[in-house]
N, C-alpha and C. Protein backbone atom coordinates (compact mmCIF):
# COMPACT_ATOMS: atom_id res chain seq x y z
N MET A 1 -4.35 4.91 14.26
CA MET A 1 -3.49 3.71 14.04
C MET A 1 -3.30 3.53 12.86
N ILE A 2 -2.49 3.50 11.87
CA ILE A 2 -2.59 3.18 10.05
C ILE A 2 -3.32 2.47 9.95
N ASN A 3 -3.99 2.40 8.86
CA ASN A 3 -5.06 1.44 8.14
C ASN A 3 -4.23 1.55 6.68
N ILE A 4 -3.08 0.91 6.50
CA ILE A 4 -2.18 0.40 5.39
C ILE A 4 -3.06 0.10 4.30
N GLY A 5 -3.95 -1.29 4.02
CA GLY A 5 -4.71 -1.08 3.09
C GLY A 5 -5.52 -0.08 1.99
N LYS A 6 -6.06 0.70 3.26
CA LYS A 6 -7.08 2.45 3.04
C LYS A 6 -5.68 3.10 2.09
N LEU A 7 -4.71 3.12 3.37
CA LEU A 7 -3.65 4.08 2.47
C LEU A 7 -3.19 3.80 0.74
N ILE A 8 -2.61 2.80 0.88
CA ILE A 8 -2.01 2.18 -0.55
C ILE A 8 -3.51 2.27 -1.36
N HIS A 9 -4.63 1.95 -1.17
CA HIS A 9 -5.73 2.32 -2.17
C HIS A 9 -5.59 3.65 -2.38
N GLU A 10 -5.63 4.85 -1.53
CA GLU A 10 -5.89 5.82 -1.84
C GLU A 10 -4.66 6.45 -3.08
N GLN A 11 -3.20 6.22 -2.37
CA GLN A 11 -2.18 6.61 -3.15
C GLN A 11 -2.94 5.82 -4.45
N VAL A 12 -2.97 4.98 -4.99
CA VAL A 12 -3.09 3.67 -6.61
C VAL A 12 -4.15 5.85 -6.76
N LYS A 13 -5.17 5.41 -6.09
CA LYS A 13 -6.34 6.46 -6.82
C LYS A 13 -6.12 8.02 -7.28
N ARG A 14 -4.42 8.43 -6.00
CA ARG A 14 -3.88 10.33 -5.93
C ARG A 14 -3.25 9.68 -7.27
N GLN A 15 -2.34 8.82 -7.51
CA GLN A 15 -1.80 8.85 -9.21
C GLN A 15 -1.67 8.33 -10.19
N GLY A 16 -3.45 8.41 -9.78
CA GLY A 16 -3.93 7.80 -11.16
C GLY A 16 -3.88 6.34 -12.20
N LYS A 17 -3.47 5.31 -11.27
CA LYS A 17 -3.05 4.29 -11.69
C LYS A 17 -4.27 3.76 -11.51
N SER A 18 -4.88 2.00 -12.22
CA SER A 18 -5.62 1.60 -11.87
C SER A 18 -5.11 0.65 -10.47
N VAL A 19 -6.35 -0.27 -10.70
CA VAL A 19 -6.63 -1.58 -9.85
C VAL A 19 -5.39 -2.50 -10.78
N THR A 20 -6.11 -2.26 -11.64
CA THR A 20 -5.67 -3.47 -12.61
C THR A 20 -4.34 -3.20 -12.86
N TRP A 21 -3.93 -1.67 -13.09
CA TRP A 21 -2.21 -2.06 -13.25
C TRP A 21 -1.23 -2.28 -12.33
N LEU A 22 -1.66 -1.96 -10.69
CA LEU A 22 -0.75 -2.14 -9.87
C LEU A 22 -1.27 -3.60 -9.76
N ALA A 23 -1.98 -4.34 -10.19
CA ALA A 23 -1.74 -5.66 -9.88
C ALA A 23 -1.28 -6.24 -10.92
N GLN A 24 -0.95 -6.26 -11.41
CA GLN A 24 -0.03 -6.35 -12.63
C GLN A 24 1.10 -6.39 -11.94
N GLN A 25 1.74 -5.10 -12.25
CA GLN A 25 3.02 -4.80 -11.79
C GLN A 25 3.33 -5.89 -10.56
N LEU A 26 2.35 -6.16 -9.33
CA LEU A 26 2.76 -6.95 -8.46
C LEU A 26 2.43 -8.86 -8.77
N ASN A 27 1.98 -8.78 -9.90
CA ASN A 27 1.48 -10.43 -10.58
C ASN A 27 0.47 -10.92 -9.77
N TYR A 28 -0.14 -10.10 -9.06
CA TYR A 28 -1.80 -9.99 -8.31
C TYR A 28 -2.83 -10.26 -9.31
N SER A 29 -3.78 -11.19 -8.57
CA SER A 29 -5.12 -11.06 -9.01
C SER A 29 -5.89 -9.91 -8.40
N ARG A 30 -6.45 -8.99 -9.45
CA ARG A 30 -7.53 -7.57 -8.65
C ARG A 30 -8.37 -8.07 -7.49
N THR A 31 -8.73 -9.11 -7.77
CA THR A 31 -9.07 -9.62 -5.80
C THR A 31 -8.26 -9.59 -5.05
N ASN A 32 -7.18 -10.45 -5.61
CA ASN A 32 -6.52 -10.48 -4.35
C ASN A 32 -5.47 -8.70 -3.37
N LEU A 33 -5.70 -8.37 -4.88
CA LEU A 33 -5.29 -6.71 -4.21
C LEU A 33 -6.34 -5.94 -3.81
N TYR A 34 -7.23 -5.85 -4.21
CA TYR A 34 -8.85 -5.62 -3.38
C TYR A 34 -8.75 -6.46 -1.73
N LYS A 35 -8.33 -7.86 -1.17
CA LYS A 35 -7.91 -7.28 -0.06
C LYS A 35 -7.12 -6.93 0.74
N ILE A 36 -5.79 -7.28 0.40
CA ILE A 36 -5.03 -6.44 0.05
C ILE A 36 -5.23 -5.16 1.00
N PHE A 37 -6.48 -4.32 0.55
CA PHE A 37 -7.06 -2.75 0.66
C PHE A 37 -7.72 -3.52 1.24
N ASP A 38 -8.28 -4.04 1.87
CA ASP A 38 -9.30 -4.28 3.42
C ASP A 38 -8.37 -4.67 4.49
N LYS A 39 -6.94 -5.00 4.15
CA LYS A 39 -6.36 -5.21 5.74
C LYS A 39 -5.38 -3.75 6.45
N THR A 40 -5.89 -3.99 7.52
CA THR A 40 -5.57 -2.83 7.99
C THR A 40 -3.03 -3.23 8.74
N SER A 41 -2.83 -4.36 8.16
CA SER A 41 -1.74 -4.48 8.36
C SER A 41 -0.93 -5.69 7.01
N ILE A 42 0.35 -5.45 6.38
CA ILE A 42 0.40 -6.33 5.54
C ILE A 42 1.63 -6.47 5.48
N ASP A 43 2.13 -7.93 4.83
CA ASP A 43 3.21 -8.24 5.42
C ASP A 43 4.43 -7.24 5.10
N THR A 44 5.60 -6.91 5.69
CA THR A 44 6.41 -6.56 4.64
C THR A 44 7.56 -6.70 3.14
N ASP A 45 7.06 -7.48 3.30
CA ASP A 45 7.89 -7.66 1.45
C ASP A 45 6.65 -7.73 0.45
N VAL A 46 5.46 -7.72 0.63
CA VAL A 46 4.11 -7.19 0.07
C VAL A 46 4.19 -5.33 0.02
N LEU A 47 4.58 -4.74 0.86
CA LEU A 47 4.60 -3.14 1.20
C LEU A 47 5.74 -2.96 0.50
N LEU A 48 7.03 -3.36 0.71
CA LEU A 48 8.46 -2.98 -0.31
C LEU A 48 7.52 -3.07 -1.55
N ARG A 49 6.66 -4.34 -2.63
CA ARG A 49 6.69 -4.07 -3.58
C ARG A 49 5.91 -3.53 -4.31
N ILE A 50 5.08 -3.32 -3.07
CA ILE A 50 4.11 -2.10 -3.10
C ILE A 50 4.37 -0.30 -3.23
N SER A 51 5.47 -0.32 -2.86
CA SER A 51 6.09 1.04 -2.95
C SER A 51 6.78 1.31 -3.52
N GLN A 52 7.45 -0.06 -4.20
CA GLN A 52 8.98 0.27 -4.94
C GLN A 52 7.34 0.21 -6.16
N ALA A 53 6.90 -0.41 -6.81
CA ALA A 53 5.59 -0.06 -7.69
C ALA A 53 5.15 1.66 -7.71
N LEU A 54 4.68 2.12 -6.71
CA LEU A 54 3.95 3.82 -6.84
C LEU A 54 4.96 4.21 -6.25
N ASN A 55 6.31 3.46 -6.60
CA ASN A 55 7.61 4.09 -6.34
C ASN A 55 6.68 5.90 -5.03
N TYR A 56 6.40 4.86 -4.29
CA TYR A 56 5.95 5.78 -2.56
C TYR A 56 6.31 5.27 -1.54
N ASP A 57 6.66 5.91 -0.80
CA ASP A 57 7.53 4.66 0.76
C ASP A 57 6.49 4.90 1.74
N PHE A 58 5.91 3.84 1.48
CA PHE A 58 4.70 3.55 3.11
C PHE A 58 5.37 3.36 3.99
N PHE A 59 6.26 2.84 4.20
CA PHE A 59 7.77 2.70 5.97
C PHE A 59 7.57 4.58 6.34
N ALA A 60 7.69 4.83 5.28
CA ALA A 60 8.03 6.53 6.49
C ALA A 60 6.62 6.99 6.47
N LEU A 61 5.03 6.15 6.98
CA LEU A 61 3.82 7.23 7.75
C LEU A 61 4.49 5.52 8.48
N TYR A 62 4.68 4.60 8.65
CA TYR A 62 5.18 3.87 10.06
C TYR A 62 6.25 5.11 10.79
N SER A 63 7.04 4.59 10.48
CA SER A 63 7.94 6.39 11.10
C SER A 63 7.47 7.39 11.58
N GLN A 64 6.70 8.46 10.40
CA GLN A 64 5.72 9.03 11.26
C GLN A 64 5.22 9.07 12.86
N GLU A 65 4.24 7.57 12.44
CA GLU A 65 3.56 7.04 13.87
C GLU A 65 4.36 6.79 14.51
N LEU A 66 5.37 6.59 14.72
CA LEU A 66 6.64 6.02 15.93
C LEU A 66 6.68 7.32 16.03
N SER A 67 7.34 8.43 15.64
CA SER A 67 8.44 9.73 16.28
C SER A 67 6.97 10.51 16.28
N SER A 68 5.66 10.47 16.01
CA SER A 68 4.50 11.42 17.02
C SER A 68 4.21 10.56 18.43
N ARG A 69 4.37 9.53 18.50
CA ARG A 69 4.23 8.61 19.78
C ARG A 69 4.77 8.97 20.76
N HIS A 70 6.17 9.80 20.43
CA HIS A 70 7.10 10.20 21.87
C HIS A 70 7.33 11.92 22.08
């Protein structure tokens, strides 16, 4: 099972970006962004915006998950 919030937070760290930077990119408060990090699933529109901000395809993680189940 994918914990997308945790994976997003890890990717932010891996890229050397700050939580404040991502929050500004999304027009979110840091508090709301930390709430996303705690979620195991999020709205696809939000995931798309995060993917674009970080230039990282989080949707591919779900595709890999589907492929590994067959």
